[in-house]
Amino acid sequence: MNKRQAKGAAGEQRAAEHLQARGLRLIERNFRVRGGEIDLICQDGAMTVFVEVRSRTRSDYGGAGASITAAKRARLVLAARHWLVRHGERPCRFDCVLIDGPQGEKLEWLRDAFAAD
């Protein structure tokens, strides 16, 4: 694992711990299909939550939130559709956990950050 991958894994772990501390149950990590990936899949009551985790040390280009482009959202939706086909259709939402700052000091959880349409 290179330095960038290790940083990403640490961010995903921190996000998972943050969500679990707030009552979500982690179901799966790093679900991949051709054309897309979902960092974390959680359960929040009856709701399946697909979570994108983004970390940025600098805000030169808008920080972690700005890095979730329309193309990235489309890849997340594609992967979520594949997951739902495999595991059964159910209510779901897309959340984002944004980690900003040189030491990752700012963590923000955006519930229902975007829609699949």
C-alpha atoms as a PDB file:
ATOM      1  CA  MET A   1       0.000   0.000   0.000  1.00  0.00           C
ATOM      2  CA  ASN A   2       1.440   3.363  -0.989  1.00  0.00           C
ATOM      3  CA  LYS A   3       1.204   6.579   1.047  1.00  0.00           C
ATOM      4  CA  ARG A   4      -1.903   7.832  -0.777  1.00  0.00           C
ATOM      5  CA  GLN A   5      -3.729   4.513  -0.338  1.00  0.00           C
ATOM      6  CA  ALA A   6      -2.800   4.431   3.353  1.00  0.00           C
ATOM      7  CA  LYS A   7      -4.161   7.954   3.808  1.00  0.00           C
ATOM      8  CA  GLY A   8      -7.379   6.968   2.037  1.00  0.00           C
ATOM      9  CA  ALA A   9      -7.778   3.848   4.173  1.00  0.00           C
ATOM     10  CA  ALA A  10      -7.207   5.892   7.337  1.00  0.00           C
ATOM     11  CA  GLY A  11      -9.841   8.405   6.234  1.00  0.00           C
ATOM     12  CA  GLU A  12     -12.332   5.636   5.506  1.00  0.00           C
ATOM     13  CA  GLN A  13     -11.647   4.081   8.918  1.00  0.00           C
ATOM     14  CA  ARG A  14     -12.166   7.419  10.645  1.00  0.00           C
ATOM     15  CA  ALA A  15     -15.409   7.961   8.707  1.00  0.00           C
ATOM     16  CA  ALA A  16     -16.655   4.460   9.577  1.00  0.00           C
ATOM     17  CA  GLU A  17     -15.954   5.040  13.269  1.00  0.00           C
ATOM     18  CA  HIS A  18     -17.712   8.422  13.134  1.00  0.00           C
ATOM     19  CA  LEU A  19     -20.818   6.915  11.531  1.00  0.00           C
ATOM     20  CA  GLN A  20     -20.888   3.910  13.858  1.00  0.00           C
ATOM     21  CA  ALA A  21     -20.658   6.219  16.880  1.00  0.00           C
ATOM     22  CA  ARG A  22     -23.830   7.874  15.558  1.00  0.00           C
ATOM     23  CA  GLY A  23     -25.777   4.631  15.280  1.00  0.00           C
ATOM     24  CA  LEU A  24     -25.105   3.413  11.739  1.00  0.00           C
ATOM     25  CA  ARG A  25     -24.074  -0.203  11.230  1.00  0.00           C
ATOM     26  CA  LEU A  26     -21.251  -0.859   8.761  1.00  0.00           C
ATOM     27  CA  ILE A  27     -22.232  -3.514   6.203  1.00  0.00           C
ATOM     28  CA  GLU A  28     -19.445  -3.402   3.626  1.00  0.00           C
ATOM     29  CA  ARG A  29     -16.301  -1.493   2.628  1.00  0.00           C
ATOM     30  CA  ASN A  30     -14.926  -0.702  -0.826  1.00  0.00           C
ATOM     31  CA  PHE A  31     -17.651  -2.304  -2.942  1.00  0.00           C
ATOM     32  CA  ARG A  32     -16.358  -2.256  -6.529  1.00  0.00           C
ATOM     33  CA  VAL A  33     -17.907  -2.915  -9.904  1.00  0.00           C
ATOM     34  CA  ARG A  34     -16.702  -1.999 -13.355  1.00  0.00           C
ATOM     35  CA  GLY A  35     -17.209   1.738 -13.556  1.00  0.00           C
ATOM     36  CA  GLY A  36     -17.697   2.574  -9.897  1.00  0.00           C
ATOM     37  CA  GLU A  37     -16.883   2.066  -6.235  1.00  0.00           C
ATOM     38  CA  ILE A  38     -18.570   2.799  -2.920  1.00  0.00           C
ATOM     39  CA  ASP A  39     -16.306   3.446   0.056  1.00  0.00           C
ATOM     40  CA  LEU A  40     -18.723   2.427   2.821  1.00  0.00           C
ATOM     41  CA  ILE A  41     -22.155   0.838   2.858  1.00  0.00           C
ATOM     42  CA  CYS A  42     -24.046   1.241   6.118  1.00  0.00           C
ATOM     43  CA  GLN A  43     -27.436   0.507   7.603  1.00  0.00           C
ATOM     44  CA  ASP A  44     -29.389   3.311   9.295  1.00  0.00           C
ATOM     45  CA  GLY A  45     -32.589   1.678  10.543  1.00  0.00           C
ATOM     46  CA  ALA A  46     -34.350   0.385   7.427  1.00  0.00           C
ATOM     47  CA  MET A  47     -32.271   2.684   5.190  1.00  0.00           C
ATOM     48  CA  THR A  48     -29.214   1.516   3.255  1.00  0.00           C
ATOM     49  CA  VAL A  49     -26.633   4.303   3.169  1.00  0.00           C
ATOM     50  CA  PHE A  50     -23.993   4.514   0.443  1.00  0.00           C
ATOM     51  CA  VAL A  51     -21.126   6.675   1.714  1.00  0.00           C
ATOM     52  CA  GLU A  52     -18.435   8.477  -0.238  1.00  0.00           C
ATOM     53  CA  VAL A  53     -15.425   9.510   1.868  1.00  0.00           C
ATOM     54  CA  ARG A  54     -13.258  12.359   0.575  1.00  0.00           C
ATOM     55  CA  SER A  55     -10.113  13.734   2.207  1.00  0.00           C
ATOM     56  CA  ARG A  56      -8.206  16.844   1.230  1.00  0.00           C
ATOM     57  CA  THR A  57      -5.281  18.438   3.051  1.00  0.00           C
ATOM     58  CA  ARG A  58      -5.575  21.695   1.080  1.00  0.00           C
ATOM     59  CA  SER A  59      -8.549  23.738  -0.068  1.00  0.00           C
ATOM     60  CA  ASP A  60      -6.942  25.191  -3.211  1.00  0.00           C
ATOM     61  CA  TYR A  61      -9.642  23.688  -5.413  1.00  0.00           C
ATOM     62  CA  GLY A  62     -12.559  23.865  -2.991  1.00  0.00           C
ATOM     63  CA  GLY A  63     -11.670  21.129  -0.504  1.00  0.00           C
ATOM     64  CA  ALA A  64     -13.081  17.642  -0.141  1.00  0.00           C
ATOM     65  CA  GLY A  65     -16.664  18.537  -1.027  1.00  0.00           C
ATOM     66  CA  ALA A  66     -15.741  20.141  -4.337  1.00  0.00           C
ATOM     67  CA  SER A  67     -14.015  16.936  -5.430  1.00  0.00           C
ATOM     68  CA  ILE A  68     -17.352  15.081  -5.682  1.00  0.00           C
ATOM     69  CA  THR A  69     -18.166  15.968  -9.267  1.00  0.00           C
ATOM     70  CA  ALA A  70     -21.197  14.989 -11.333  1.00  0.00           C
ATOM     71  CA  ALA A  71     -19.114  12.223 -12.933  1.00  0.00           C
ATOM     72  CA  LYS A  72     -18.139  10.888  -9.504  1.00  0.00           C
ATOM     73  CA  ARG A  73     -21.771  10.935  -8.365  1.00  0.00           C
ATOM     74  CA  ALA A  74     -22.764   9.003 -11.499  1.00  0.00           C
ATOM     75  CA  ARG A  75     -20.141   6.316 -10.716  1.00  0.00           C
ATOM     76  CA  LEU A  76     -21.453   6.053  -7.139  1.00  0.00           C
ATOM     77  CA  VAL A  77     -25.029   5.660  -8.369  1.00  0.00           C
ATOM     78  CA  LEU A  78     -23.929   2.995 -10.859  1.00  0.00           C
ATOM     79  CA  ALA A  79     -22.181   0.999  -8.131  1.00  0.00           C
ATOM     80  CA  ALA A  80     -25.165   1.419  -5.784  1.00  0.00           C
ATOM     81  CA  ARG A  81     -27.535   0.069  -8.437  1.00  0.00           C
ATOM     82  CA  HIS A  82     -25.322  -3.010  -8.823  1.00  0.00           C
ATOM     83  CA  TRP A  83     -25.267  -3.512  -5.052  1.00  0.00           C
ATOM     84  CA  LEU A  84     -29.055  -3.212  -4.843  1.00  0.00           C
ATOM     85  CA  VAL A  85     -29.525  -5.756  -7.640  1.00  0.00           C
ATOM     86  CA  ARG A  86     -27.349  -8.227  -5.722  1.00  0.00           C
ATOM     87  CA  HIS A  87     -28.856  -7.559  -2.282  1.00  0.00           C
ATOM     88  CA  GLY A  88     -32.442  -6.578  -3.070  1.00  0.00           C
ATOM     89  CA  GLU A  89     -34.114  -3.257  -3.676  1.00  0.00           C
ATOM     90  CA  ARG A  90     -34.624  -1.199  -0.528  1.00  0.00           C
ATOM     91  CA  PRO A  91     -34.805   2.428   0.564  1.00  0.00           C
ATOM     92  CA  CYS A  92     -31.408   4.086   0.259  1.00  0.00           C
ATOM     93  CA  ARG A  93     -29.607   7.395   0.362  1.00  0.00           C
ATOM     94  CA  PHE A  94     -26.204   8.806  -0.527  1.00  0.00           C
ATOM     95  CA  ASP A  95     -24.125  10.409   2.232  1.00  0.00           C
ATOM     96  CA  CYS A  96     -20.674  11.980   2.111  1.00  0.00           C
ATOM     97  CA  VAL A  97     -18.052  12.252   4.818  1.00  0.00           C
ATOM     98  CA  LEU A  98     -15.677  15.121   4.083  1.00  0.00           C
ATOM     99  CA  ILE A  99     -12.317  15.333   5.840  1.00  0.00           C
ATOM    100  CA  ASP A 100     -10.413  18.585   5.363  1.00  0.00           C
ATOM    101  CA  GLY A 101      -7.218  20.113   6.721  1.00  0.00           C
ATOM    102  CA  PRO A 102      -3.517  19.258   6.893  1.00  0.00           C
ATOM    103  CA  GLN A 103      -4.141  16.887   9.818  1.00  0.00           C
ATOM    104  CA  GLY A 104      -7.704  16.020   8.808  1.00  0.00           C
ATOM    105  CA  GLU A 105      -8.966  18.172  11.658  1.00  0.00           C
ATOM    106  CA  LYS A 106     -12.332  18.979  10.086  1.00  0.00           C
ATOM    107  CA  LEU A 107     -14.769  16.095   9.550  1.00  0.00           C
ATOM    108  CA  GLU A 108     -18.233  16.803   8.156  1.00  0.00           C
ATOM    109  CA  TRP A 109     -20.995  14.237   7.587  1.00  0.00           C
ATOM    110  CA  LEU A 110     -23.468  15.227   4.884  1.00  0.00           C
ATOM    111  CA  ARG A 111     -26.608  13.108   5.200  1.00  0.00           C
ATOM    112  CA  ASP A 112     -28.565  12.658   1.974  1.00  0.00           C
ATOM    113  CA  ALA A 113     -25.898  14.623   0.101  1.00  0.00           C
ATOM    114  CA  PHE A 114     -27.327  13.946  -3.365  1.00  0.00           C
ATOM    115  CA  ALA A 115     -30.054  11.991  -5.149  1.00  0.00           C
ATOM    116  CA  ALA A 116     -29.711   9.160  -7.634  1.00  0.00           C
ATOM    117  CA  ASP A 117     -31.679  10.944 -10.365  1.00  0.00           C
END
